[in-house]
Structures are given as structure tokens and as C-alpha cells.
Amino acid sequence: MTIDRDPYEGVHAFVFIDHSEVRISEVIDDLARHREGSPRVHWAGSVVGEYLAFAHIWAEHPNAFEALEDFIDTELWDAGVHCKKTTELLVVNRKPTKYATPAVLALVGIKTQHGHAMSVMEQLETIDNDHEGEWLQGASLVSGHLDIVLQLNADTFEGAQQRLLDPDLAKIHGIAWTSTAIANGLRGPFADS
């Protein structure tokens, strides 16, 4: 199995914004001010699904985890954001979640049955290999309220629907529940990320 430590350096956090005191487009614009340095917002965008927006935040060593915590607790809080957050632990096939932005992306939060997280990651890798590496954009084993964050890319909304309804995805053993959000990757200040 080719589950490796994240191929890019530093610590990565995924932020699921489920409440905001201001319009979410204003939050995304505010996050765009933090595209440089460390910590920095690698990508942020509004989504349609269980939460309002998603952000990928990165910090380099040393003290990357503490820097991420401080950033989330100050910059995001000051922007009016309330969120759930996860930290990336491992990735499948050297493909981290939210590292490339297509026209349409589906972000699938996966909660596994107790003790099945690595097995689900192995099954995702097998499916991706069977589809010659074209099936998934990224899969990250994470800490927090989810076990895995999966990114599926498509050129159209209909293409994203087909990926989400792929029978291979439904056959994965060990998933307790999923929550999916879809984003327009060509919209907002992070469209070129």
C-alpha cells in the first residue's frame, strides 16, 4: 500500500465553516488576504452541503500546529467564522485533499466504523489504481470530527454527480456515514489556486 506522509511540507488543517456572523463571500474575501506566509490559506470557497464553506490552511515547521491553532482561533474568529477543523495525518497515492482546484469539486467527509479508517483508505487507493489514478483528486486521513476527507474533481456538476454515484464508492466497506459538499472551483478569490 502506498499511503505516505503528505508529500508537501508542514501541517495542513481543513476547516469546515458551519456558521458565520457575516456573509460567507465576505469571509472568503477576508481569507484571501492570508494567501502568503505561514500560516496561510491555501484555498477557501463557499460550498453547497452541510456547511457553508471549506478552507485549507497550511503552516510550515517549526511550531506549525500551534501556528494553525492560533490562526484559526484569531484570524478566523475575527472574520466571524465558527467552524469544525481537522488536521491531515496521511494521504493516499501522494494525493492530498484540496491541493488542486477543478471547475467542480466534491468534498466528501467520511466517518468510518471504529478501527476501519486505514482499511477505507486502502480501498480508496485500490479504486484509484483501478481507474488509473483518474478517479480521485485527493484523500486525506484526518483527526477531528471526520476520519477521511475525499476530494473528487469534475469539469461539470453532472460529472461530479457521476463520481459521487460511482458504484465503486458505494461498495467501500467500513464507512459509517458521509457528508458531501460541492463547490464551484472557478468562483471567488481562490479560483486560480
C-alpha atoms as a PDB file:
ATOM      1  CA  MET A   1       0.000   0.000   0.000  1.00  0.00           C
ATOM      2  CA  THR A   2       1.244   3.476  -0.906  1.00  0.00           C
ATOM      3  CA  ILE A   3      -0.142   5.551   1.935  1.00  0.00           C
ATOM      4  CA  ASP A   4       2.569   8.110   2.634  1.00  0.00           C
ATOM      5  CA  ARG A   5       3.104  11.134   4.726  1.00  0.00           C
ATOM      6  CA  ASP A   6       1.914  14.213   2.944  1.00  0.00           C
ATOM      7  CA  PRO A   7       4.344  14.981   0.066  1.00  0.00           C
ATOM      8  CA  TYR A   8       4.330  18.691   0.749  1.00  0.00           C
ATOM      9  CA  GLU A   9       5.875  20.073   3.902  1.00  0.00           C
ATOM     10  CA  GLY A  10       4.292  21.500   7.009  1.00  0.00           C
ATOM     11  CA  VAL A  11       0.980  20.841   8.725  1.00  0.00           C
ATOM     12  CA  HIS A  12      -2.355  21.092   6.947  1.00  0.00           C
ATOM     13  CA  ALA A  13      -5.728  21.825   8.522  1.00  0.00           C
ATOM     14  CA  PHE A  14      -9.117  21.558   6.867  1.00  0.00           C
ATOM     15  CA  VAL A  15     -11.704  23.967   8.206  1.00  0.00           C
ATOM     16  CA  PHE A  16     -15.413  23.288   7.782  1.00  0.00           C
ATOM     17  CA  ILE A  17     -17.159  26.623   8.280  1.00  0.00           C
ATOM     18  CA  ASP A  18     -20.642  25.909   9.558  1.00  0.00           C
ATOM     19  CA  HIS A  19     -21.588  29.335  10.923  1.00  0.00           C
ATOM     20  CA  SER A  20     -20.627  32.905  10.201  1.00  0.00           C
ATOM     21  CA  GLU A  21     -21.739  36.218  11.609  1.00  0.00           C
ATOM     22  CA  VAL A  22     -21.153  37.868   8.220  1.00  0.00           C
ATOM     23  CA  ARG A  23     -21.918  36.966   4.611  1.00  0.00           C
ATOM     24  CA  ILE A  24     -19.784  33.984   3.604  1.00  0.00           C
ATOM     25  CA  SER A  25     -18.464  35.775   0.487  1.00  0.00           C
ATOM     26  CA  GLU A  26     -17.009  38.433   2.802  1.00  0.00           C
ATOM     27  CA  VAL A  27     -15.345  35.702   4.873  1.00  0.00           C
ATOM     28  CA  ILE A  28     -13.786  34.166   1.741  1.00  0.00           C
ATOM     29  CA  ASP A  29     -12.553  37.588   0.611  1.00  0.00           C
ATOM     30  CA  ASP A  30     -11.064  38.171   4.067  1.00  0.00           C
ATOM     31  CA  LEU A  31      -9.316  34.770   3.964  1.00  0.00           C
ATOM     32  CA  ALA A  32      -7.801  35.705   0.589  1.00  0.00           C
ATOM     33  CA  ARG A  33      -5.706  38.310   2.432  1.00  0.00           C
ATOM     34  CA  HIS A  34      -3.834  35.376   4.021  1.00  0.00           C
ATOM     35  CA  ARG A  35      -2.541  33.651   0.884  1.00  0.00           C
ATOM     36  CA  GLU A  36       1.130  34.296   1.684  1.00  0.00           C
ATOM     37  CA  GLY A  37       3.393  33.440   4.587  1.00  0.00           C
ATOM     38  CA  SER A  38       2.829  30.889   7.304  1.00  0.00           C
ATOM     39  CA  PRO A  39       0.230  30.076   8.283  1.00  0.00           C
ATOM     40  CA  ARG A  40      -1.567  30.776   5.052  1.00  0.00           C
ATOM     41  CA  VAL A  41      -4.875  29.926   3.448  1.00  0.00           C
ATOM     42  CA  HIS A  42      -4.124  27.609   0.542  1.00  0.00           C
ATOM     43  CA  TRP A  43      -7.755  27.598  -0.657  1.00  0.00           C
ATOM     44  CA  ALA A  44     -11.155  28.680   0.598  1.00  0.00           C
ATOM     45  CA  GLY A  45     -14.547  28.663  -1.045  1.00  0.00           C
ATOM     46  CA  SER A  46     -18.248  28.531  -0.407  1.00  0.00           C
ATOM     47  CA  VAL A  47     -19.854  25.121  -0.761  1.00  0.00           C
ATOM     48  CA  VAL A  48     -23.333  23.646  -1.040  1.00  0.00           C
ATOM     49  CA  GLY A  49     -23.806  20.965   1.568  1.00  0.00           C
ATOM     50  CA  GLU A  50     -23.770  20.514   5.340  1.00  0.00           C
ATOM     51  CA  TYR A  51     -21.555  23.550   5.907  1.00  0.00           C
ATOM     52  CA  LEU A  52     -21.217  26.996   4.329  1.00  0.00           C
ATOM     53  CA  ALA A  53     -17.573  26.991   3.261  1.00  0.00           C
ATOM     54  CA  PHE A  54     -14.353  24.998   3.335  1.00  0.00           C
ATOM     55  CA  ALA A  55     -10.796  26.221   3.814  1.00  0.00           C
ATOM     56  CA  HIS A  56      -7.412  24.512   3.521  1.00  0.00           C
ATOM     57  CA  ILE A  57      -4.914  26.191   5.835  1.00  0.00           C
ATOM     58  CA  TRP A  58      -1.179  25.425   5.883  1.00  0.00           C
ATOM     59  CA  ALA A  59       1.661  26.230   8.223  1.00  0.00           C
ATOM     60  CA  GLU A  60       5.318  25.322   7.950  1.00  0.00           C
ATOM     61  CA  HIS A  61       7.514  23.951  10.689  1.00  0.00           C
ATOM     62  CA  PRO A  62       8.618  24.769  13.352  1.00  0.00           C
ATOM     63  CA  ASN A  63       5.565  25.141  15.603  1.00  0.00           C
ATOM     64  CA  ALA A  64       3.205  24.620  12.671  1.00  0.00           C
ATOM     65  CA  PHE A  65       0.421  23.090  14.714  1.00  0.00           C
ATOM     66  CA  GLU A  66       0.453  25.887  17.267  1.00  0.00           C
ATOM     67  CA  ALA A  67       0.525  28.465  14.461  1.00  0.00           C
ATOM     68  CA  LEU A  68      -2.543  26.830  12.868  1.00  0.00           C
ATOM     69  CA  GLU A  69      -4.378  26.829  16.182  1.00  0.00           C
ATOM     70  CA  ASP A  70      -3.588  30.498  16.730  1.00  0.00           C
ATOM     71  CA  PHE A  71      -4.635  31.399  13.170  1.00  0.00           C
ATOM     72  CA  ILE A  72      -7.951  29.561  13.469  1.00  0.00           C
ATOM     73  CA  ASP A  73      -8.652  30.978  16.924  1.00  0.00           C
ATOM     74  CA  THR A  74      -7.777  34.585  15.997  1.00  0.00           C
ATOM     75  CA  GLU A  75      -7.963  35.365  12.266  1.00  0.00           C
ATOM     76  CA  LEU A  76     -10.936  33.125  11.543  1.00  0.00           C
ATOM     77  CA  TRP A  77     -12.711  34.097  14.732  1.00  0.00           C
ATOM     78  CA  ASP A  78     -12.162  37.785  13.959  1.00  0.00           C
ATOM     79  CA  ALA A  79     -13.634  37.186  10.496  1.00  0.00           C
ATOM     80  CA  GLY A  80     -16.821  35.953  12.203  1.00  0.00           C
ATOM     81  CA  VAL A  81     -16.191  32.280  11.459  1.00  0.00           C
ATOM     82  CA  HIS A  82     -17.237  29.375  13.630  1.00  0.00           C
ATOM     83  CA  CYS A  83     -16.064  26.020  12.439  1.00  0.00           C
ATOM     84  CA  LYS A  84     -15.068  22.412  12.865  1.00  0.00           C
ATOM     85  CA  LYS A  85     -11.471  21.648  11.992  1.00  0.00           C
ATOM     86  CA  THR A  86      -9.351  18.633  11.190  1.00  0.00           C
ATOM     87  CA  THR A  87      -5.628  18.075  10.801  1.00  0.00           C
ATOM     88  CA  GLU A  88      -4.222  15.971   7.966  1.00  0.00           C
ATOM     89  CA  LEU A  89      -2.305  12.854   9.063  1.00  0.00           C
ATOM     90  CA  LEU A  90      -1.746  10.761   5.887  1.00  0.00           C
ATOM     91  CA  VAL A  91      -2.651  10.894   2.192  1.00  0.00           C
ATOM     92  CA  VAL A  92      -3.393   8.234  -0.465  1.00  0.00           C
ATOM     93  CA  ASN A  93      -1.117   7.861  -3.509  1.00  0.00           C
ATOM     94  CA  ARG A  94       0.633  11.145  -2.671  1.00  0.00           C
ATOM     95  CA  LYS A  95      -2.629  12.930  -3.442  1.00  0.00           C
ATOM     96  CA  PRO A  96      -3.611  15.298  -0.656  1.00  0.00           C
ATOM     97  CA  THR A  97      -7.072  16.784  -0.374  1.00  0.00           C
ATOM     98  CA  LYS A  98      -7.601  20.261  -1.806  1.00  0.00           C
ATOM     99  CA  TYR A  99      -4.292  20.691  -3.497  1.00  0.00           C
ATOM    100  CA  ALA A 100      -5.663  21.371  -6.977  1.00  0.00           C
ATOM    101  CA  THR A 101      -8.855  23.164  -7.967  1.00  0.00           C
ATOM    102  CA  PRO A 102     -11.029  21.944 -10.838  1.00  0.00           C
ATOM    103  CA  ALA A 103     -14.176  23.539 -12.230  1.00  0.00           C
ATOM    104  CA  VAL A 104     -16.296  21.490  -9.796  1.00  0.00           C
ATOM    105  CA  LEU A 105     -15.110  19.682  -6.710  1.00  0.00           C
ATOM    106  CA  ALA A 106     -16.949  17.387  -4.355  1.00  0.00           C
ATOM    107  CA  LEU A 107     -15.594  17.183  -0.831  1.00  0.00           C
ATOM    108  CA  VAL A 108     -16.749  14.041   0.952  1.00  0.00           C
ATOM    109  CA  GLY A 109     -16.330  13.899   4.710  1.00  0.00           C
ATOM    110  CA  ILE A 110     -16.162  10.263   5.804  1.00  0.00           C
ATOM    111  CA  LYS A 111     -16.679   8.875   9.282  1.00  0.00           C
ATOM    112  CA  THR A 112     -15.573   5.252   9.432  1.00  0.00           C
ATOM    113  CA  GLN A 113     -16.658   2.444  11.676  1.00  0.00           C
ATOM    114  CA  HIS A 114     -14.357   2.108  14.673  1.00  0.00           C
ATOM    115  CA  GLY A 115     -10.979   0.738  13.568  1.00  0.00           C
ATOM    116  CA  HIS A 116     -11.725   0.875   9.819  1.00  0.00           C
ATOM    117  CA  ALA A 117     -10.067   4.158   8.778  1.00  0.00           C
ATOM    118  CA  MET A 118      -6.923   2.556   7.313  1.00  0.00           C
ATOM    119  CA  SER A 119      -8.974  -0.133   5.564  1.00  0.00           C
ATOM    120  CA  VAL A 120     -11.154   2.534   3.924  1.00  0.00           C
ATOM    121  CA  MET A 121      -8.015   4.406   2.833  1.00  0.00           C
ATOM    122  CA  GLU A 122      -6.664   1.167   1.292  1.00  0.00           C
ATOM    123  CA  GLN A 123      -9.947   0.635  -0.572  1.00  0.00           C
ATOM    124  CA  LEU A 124      -9.837   4.210  -1.895  1.00  0.00           C
ATOM    125  CA  GLU A 125      -6.305   3.584  -3.124  1.00  0.00           C
ATOM    126  CA  THR A 126      -7.403   0.376  -4.878  1.00  0.00           C
ATOM    127  CA  ILE A 127     -10.285   2.169  -6.607  1.00  0.00           C
ATOM    128  CA  ASP A 128      -7.979   4.982  -7.694  1.00  0.00           C
ATOM    129  CA  ASN A 129      -5.430   2.484  -9.050  1.00  0.00           C
ATOM    130  CA  ASP A 130      -8.209   0.589 -10.899  1.00  0.00           C
ATOM    131  CA  HIS A 131      -9.214   3.885 -12.523  1.00  0.00           C
ATOM    132  CA  GLU A 132      -5.556   4.565 -13.446  1.00  0.00           C
ATOM    133  CA  GLY A 133      -5.223   7.405 -10.959  1.00  0.00           C
ATOM    134  CA  GLU A 134      -8.017   9.451 -12.532  1.00  0.00           C
ATOM    135  CA  TRP A 135     -10.775   8.724 -10.028  1.00  0.00           C
ATOM    136  CA  LEU A 136      -9.894  10.831  -7.042  1.00  0.00           C
ATOM    137  CA  GLN A 137      -8.060  14.088  -6.651  1.00  0.00           C
ATOM    138  CA  GLY A 138      -7.147  13.506  -3.043  1.00  0.00           C
ATOM    139  CA  ALA A 139      -7.863  11.513   0.075  1.00  0.00           C
ATOM    140  CA  SER A 140      -6.586  12.533   3.486  1.00  0.00           C
ATOM    141  CA  LEU A 141      -6.739  10.664   6.753  1.00  0.00           C
ATOM    142  CA  VAL A 142      -7.519  13.357   9.322  1.00  0.00           C
ATOM    143  CA  SER A 143      -8.015  13.945  13.016  1.00  0.00           C
ATOM    144  CA  GLY A 144     -11.147  15.611  14.316  1.00  0.00           C
ATOM    145  CA  HIS A 145     -14.858  15.041  13.714  1.00  0.00           C
ATOM    146  CA  LEU A 146     -14.099  13.114  10.489  1.00  0.00           C
ATOM    147  CA  ASP A 147     -11.718  10.274   9.708  1.00  0.00           C
ATOM    148  CA  ILE A 148     -11.200  10.932   5.986  1.00  0.00           C
ATOM    149  CA  VAL A 149     -11.710  13.858   3.621  1.00  0.00           C
ATOM    150  CA  LEU A 150     -12.051  12.776  -0.002  1.00  0.00           C
ATOM    151  CA  GLN A 151     -11.887  15.149  -2.988  1.00  0.00           C
ATOM    152  CA  LEU A 152     -13.443  14.173  -6.317  1.00  0.00           C
ATOM    153  CA  ASN A 153     -12.961  16.503  -9.291  1.00  0.00           C
ATOM    154  CA  ALA A 154     -15.077  17.075 -12.365  1.00  0.00           C
ATOM    155  CA  ASP A 155     -15.441  19.532 -15.225  1.00  0.00           C
ATOM    156  CA  THR A 156     -19.201  19.872 -14.670  1.00  0.00           C
ATOM    157  CA  PHE A 157     -21.763  19.439 -11.906  1.00  0.00           C
ATOM    158  CA  GLU A 158     -23.114  16.401 -13.741  1.00  0.00           C
ATOM    159  CA  GLY A 159     -19.625  14.920 -13.776  1.00  0.00           C
ATOM    160  CA  ALA A 160     -19.364  15.428 -10.013  1.00  0.00           C
ATOM    161  CA  GLN A 161     -22.713  13.680  -9.594  1.00  0.00           C
ATOM    162  CA  GLN A 162     -21.442  10.697 -11.596  1.00  0.00           C
ATOM    163  CA  ARG A 163     -18.309  10.441  -9.443  1.00  0.00           C
ATOM    164  CA  LEU A 164     -20.355  10.597  -6.253  1.00  0.00           C
ATOM    165  CA  LEU A 165     -22.730   7.907  -7.509  1.00  0.00           C
ATOM    166  CA  ASP A 166     -19.921   5.627  -8.744  1.00  0.00           C
ATOM    167  CA  PRO A 167     -20.782   2.057  -7.683  1.00  0.00           C
ATOM    168  CA  ASP A 168     -17.189   1.527  -6.528  1.00  0.00           C
ATOM    169  CA  LEU A 169     -17.643   4.231  -3.896  1.00  0.00           C
ATOM    170  CA  ALA A 170     -20.822   2.592  -2.602  1.00  0.00           C
ATOM    171  CA  LYS A 171     -19.001  -0.758  -2.196  1.00  0.00           C
ATOM    172  CA  ILE A 172     -16.388   0.524   0.248  1.00  0.00           C
ATOM    173  CA  HIS A 173     -16.665  -1.451   3.476  1.00  0.00           C
ATOM    174  CA  GLY A 174     -16.219   0.254   6.827  1.00  0.00           C
ATOM    175  CA  ILE A 175     -17.889   3.629   6.227  1.00  0.00           C
ATOM    176  CA  ALA A 176     -20.345   4.658   8.953  1.00  0.00           C
ATOM    177  CA  TRP A 177     -21.611   7.834   7.240  1.00  0.00           C
ATOM    178  CA  THR A 178     -20.640  10.532   4.779  1.00  0.00           C
ATOM    179  CA  SER A 179     -21.371  14.198   4.267  1.00  0.00           C
ATOM    180  CA  THR A 180     -20.796  15.785   0.870  1.00  0.00           C
ATOM    181  CA  ALA A 181     -20.378  19.393  -0.165  1.00  0.00           C
ATOM    182  CA  ILE A 182     -19.896  20.639  -3.704  1.00  0.00           C
ATOM    183  CA  ALA A 183     -18.009  23.784  -4.686  1.00  0.00           C
ATOM    184  CA  ASN A 184     -17.536  25.768  -7.861  1.00  0.00           C
ATOM    185  CA  GLY A 185     -13.757  25.859  -8.182  1.00  0.00           C
ATOM    186  CA  LEU A 186     -13.846  28.700 -10.703  1.00  0.00           C
ATOM    187  CA  ARG A 187     -15.573  31.139  -8.371  1.00  0.00           C
ATOM    188  CA  GLY A 188     -14.133  33.505  -5.809  1.00  0.00           C
ATOM    189  CA  PRO A 189     -10.666  34.842  -4.985  1.00  0.00           C
ATOM    190  CA  PHE A 190      -9.092  31.364  -4.860  1.00  0.00           C
ATOM    191  CA  ALA A 191     -10.174  30.310  -8.368  1.00  0.00           C
ATOM    192  CA  ASP A 192      -6.566  30.294  -9.558  1.00  0.00           C
ATOM    193  CA  SER A 193      -5.292  28.114  -6.664  1.00  0.00           C
END
